[in-house]
Amino acid sequence: MLNQRADQAIPYLFYAAESTPTPIGYYLLSAADKQVGNLKGADFNYQHYVAMKKENSGQLYDLIESLQKSNLIQTLP
């Protein structure tokens, strides 16, 4: 995506998004698709991004939740 090379980044972004699904992976894939003119793919991947962003699950969420339960992270009232 940098240096106007989104077409070369798409296979790697696709692999990353499918092998380890994360909101940022689908967002980057959507942005790359949009840069190369694949608007249908960009919309499809953006919808995945929005859906995953709404979920309260995933590795990061689980890590934050477990740290909060063990009082390793102080939360503000």
C-alpha atoms as a PDB file:
ATOM      1  CA  MET A   1       0.000   0.000   0.000  1.00  0.00           C
ATOM      2  CA  LEU A   2       2.953   2.233   0.569  1.00  0.00           C
ATOM      3  CA  ASN A   3       4.558   3.675  -2.523  1.00  0.00           C
ATOM      4  CA  GLN A   4       1.371   2.968  -4.517  1.00  0.00           C
ATOM      5  CA  ARG A   5       1.990  -0.807  -4.485  1.00  0.00           C
ATOM      6  CA  ALA A   6      -1.370  -1.944  -3.120  1.00  0.00           C
ATOM      7  CA  ASP A   7      -1.690  -4.506  -5.921  1.00  0.00           C
ATOM      8  CA  GLN A   8       1.410  -6.290  -4.613  1.00  0.00           C
ATOM      9  CA  ALA A   9       0.261  -6.081  -0.978  1.00  0.00           C
ATOM     10  CA  ILE A  10      -3.174  -7.634  -1.493  1.00  0.00           C
ATOM     11  CA  PRO A  11      -2.105 -11.322  -1.502  1.00  0.00           C
ATOM     12  CA  TYR A  12      -0.164 -10.840   1.743  1.00  0.00           C
ATOM     13  CA  LEU A  13      -2.935  -8.841   3.387  1.00  0.00           C
ATOM     14  CA  PHE A  14      -5.497 -11.429   2.303  1.00  0.00           C
ATOM     15  CA  TYR A  15      -3.428 -14.257   3.775  1.00  0.00           C
ATOM     16  CA  ALA A  16      -2.959 -12.341   7.034  1.00  0.00           C
ATOM     17  CA  ALA A  17      -6.653 -11.463   7.318  1.00  0.00           C
ATOM     18  CA  GLU A  18      -7.796 -15.024   6.629  1.00  0.00           C
ATOM     19  CA  SER A  19      -5.204 -16.876   8.698  1.00  0.00           C
ATOM     20  CA  THR A  20      -5.493 -14.625  11.758  1.00  0.00           C
ATOM     21  CA  PRO A  21      -8.685 -12.589  11.461  1.00  0.00           C
ATOM     22  CA  THR A  22      -8.443  -9.172  13.090  1.00  0.00           C
ATOM     23  CA  PRO A  23     -10.306  -5.944  12.453  1.00  0.00           C
ATOM     24  CA  ILE A  24      -7.135  -4.139  11.328  1.00  0.00           C
ATOM     25  CA  GLY A  25      -6.335  -6.926   8.852  1.00  0.00           C
ATOM     26  CA  TYR A  26      -9.672  -6.540   7.108  1.00  0.00           C
ATOM     27  CA  TYR A  27      -9.439  -2.758   7.246  1.00  0.00           C
ATOM     28  CA  LEU A  28      -6.043  -2.771   5.525  1.00  0.00           C
ATOM     29  CA  LEU A  29      -7.266  -5.271   2.945  1.00  0.00           C
ATOM     30  CA  SER A  30     -10.274  -3.035   2.285  1.00  0.00           C
ATOM     31  CA  ALA A  31      -8.036   0.013   1.824  1.00  0.00           C
ATOM     32  CA  ALA A  32      -5.753  -1.879  -0.570  1.00  0.00           C
ATOM     33  CA  ASP A  33      -8.723  -3.126  -2.612  1.00  0.00           C
ATOM     34  CA  LYS A  34     -10.034   0.417  -2.833  1.00  0.00           C
ATOM     35  CA  GLN A  35      -6.655   1.718  -4.051  1.00  0.00           C
ATOM     36  CA  VAL A  36      -6.556  -0.768  -6.920  1.00  0.00           C
ATOM     37  CA  GLY A  37     -10.175  -0.109  -7.885  1.00  0.00           C
ATOM     38  CA  ASN A  38     -11.737  -3.312  -6.552  1.00  0.00           C
ATOM     39  CA  LEU A  39     -14.683  -1.556  -4.954  1.00  0.00           C
ATOM     40  CA  LYS A  40     -16.722  -4.726  -4.468  1.00  0.00           C
ATOM     41  CA  GLY A  41     -13.850  -6.378  -2.603  1.00  0.00           C
ATOM     42  CA  ALA A  42     -13.211  -3.192  -0.634  1.00  0.00           C
ATOM     43  CA  ASP A  43     -16.847  -3.081   0.498  1.00  0.00           C
ATOM     44  CA  PHE A  44     -16.860  -6.795   1.374  1.00  0.00           C
ATOM     45  CA  ASN A  45     -13.700  -6.503   3.477  1.00  0.00           C
ATOM     46  CA  TYR A  46     -14.892  -3.282   5.117  1.00  0.00           C
ATOM     47  CA  GLN A  47     -18.073  -5.093   6.203  1.00  0.00           C
ATOM     48  CA  HIS A  48     -15.897  -7.789   7.801  1.00  0.00           C
ATOM     49  CA  TYR A  49     -13.951  -5.033   9.552  1.00  0.00           C
ATOM     50  CA  VAL A  50     -17.125  -3.422  10.921  1.00  0.00           C
ATOM     51  CA  ALA A  51     -18.539  -6.761  12.089  1.00  0.00           C
ATOM     52  CA  MET A  52     -15.330  -7.767  13.848  1.00  0.00           C
ATOM     53  CA  LYS A  53     -14.945  -4.341  15.410  1.00  0.00           C
ATOM     54  CA  LYS A  54     -18.384  -4.730  17.027  1.00  0.00           C
ATOM     55  CA  GLU A  55     -17.505  -8.104  18.562  1.00  0.00           C
ATOM     56  CA  ASN A  56     -16.177  -8.221  22.084  1.00  0.00           C
ATOM     57  CA  SER A  57     -13.973 -11.179  21.378  1.00  0.00           C
ATOM     58  CA  GLY A  58     -10.596 -11.996  20.022  1.00  0.00           C
ATOM     59  CA  GLN A  59      -7.124 -12.352  21.436  1.00  0.00           C
ATOM     60  CA  LEU A  60      -6.660  -8.708  22.396  1.00  0.00           C
ATOM     61  CA  TYR A  61     -10.020  -8.506  24.127  1.00  0.00           C
ATOM     62  CA  ASP A  62      -9.352 -11.769  25.989  1.00  0.00           C
ATOM     63  CA  LEU A  63      -5.938 -10.513  27.109  1.00  0.00           C
ATOM     64  CA  ILE A  64      -7.312  -7.195  28.364  1.00  0.00           C
ATOM     65  CA  GLU A  65     -10.170  -8.931  30.141  1.00  0.00           C
ATOM     66  CA  SER A  66      -7.892 -11.436  31.882  1.00  0.00           C
ATOM     67  CA  LEU A  67      -5.481  -8.700  32.945  1.00  0.00           C
ATOM     68  CA  GLN A  68      -8.322  -6.638  34.382  1.00  0.00           C
ATOM     69  CA  LYS A  69      -9.608  -9.624  36.335  1.00  0.00           C
ATOM     70  CA  SER A  70      -6.193 -10.235  37.848  1.00  0.00           C
ATOM     71  CA  ASN A  71      -5.827  -6.549  38.796  1.00  0.00           C
ATOM     72  CA  LEU A  72      -2.715  -6.149  36.681  1.00  0.00           C
ATOM     73  CA  ILE A  73      -4.325  -3.226  34.901  1.00  0.00           C
ATOM     74  CA  GLN A  74      -5.904  -0.529  37.036  1.00  0.00           C
ATOM     75  CA  THR A  75      -9.150   0.713  35.539  1.00  0.00           C
ATOM     76  CA  LEU A  76     -10.373   4.216  36.102  1.00  0.00           C
ATOM     77  CA  PRO A  77     -13.791   4.649  37.764  1.00  0.00           C
END
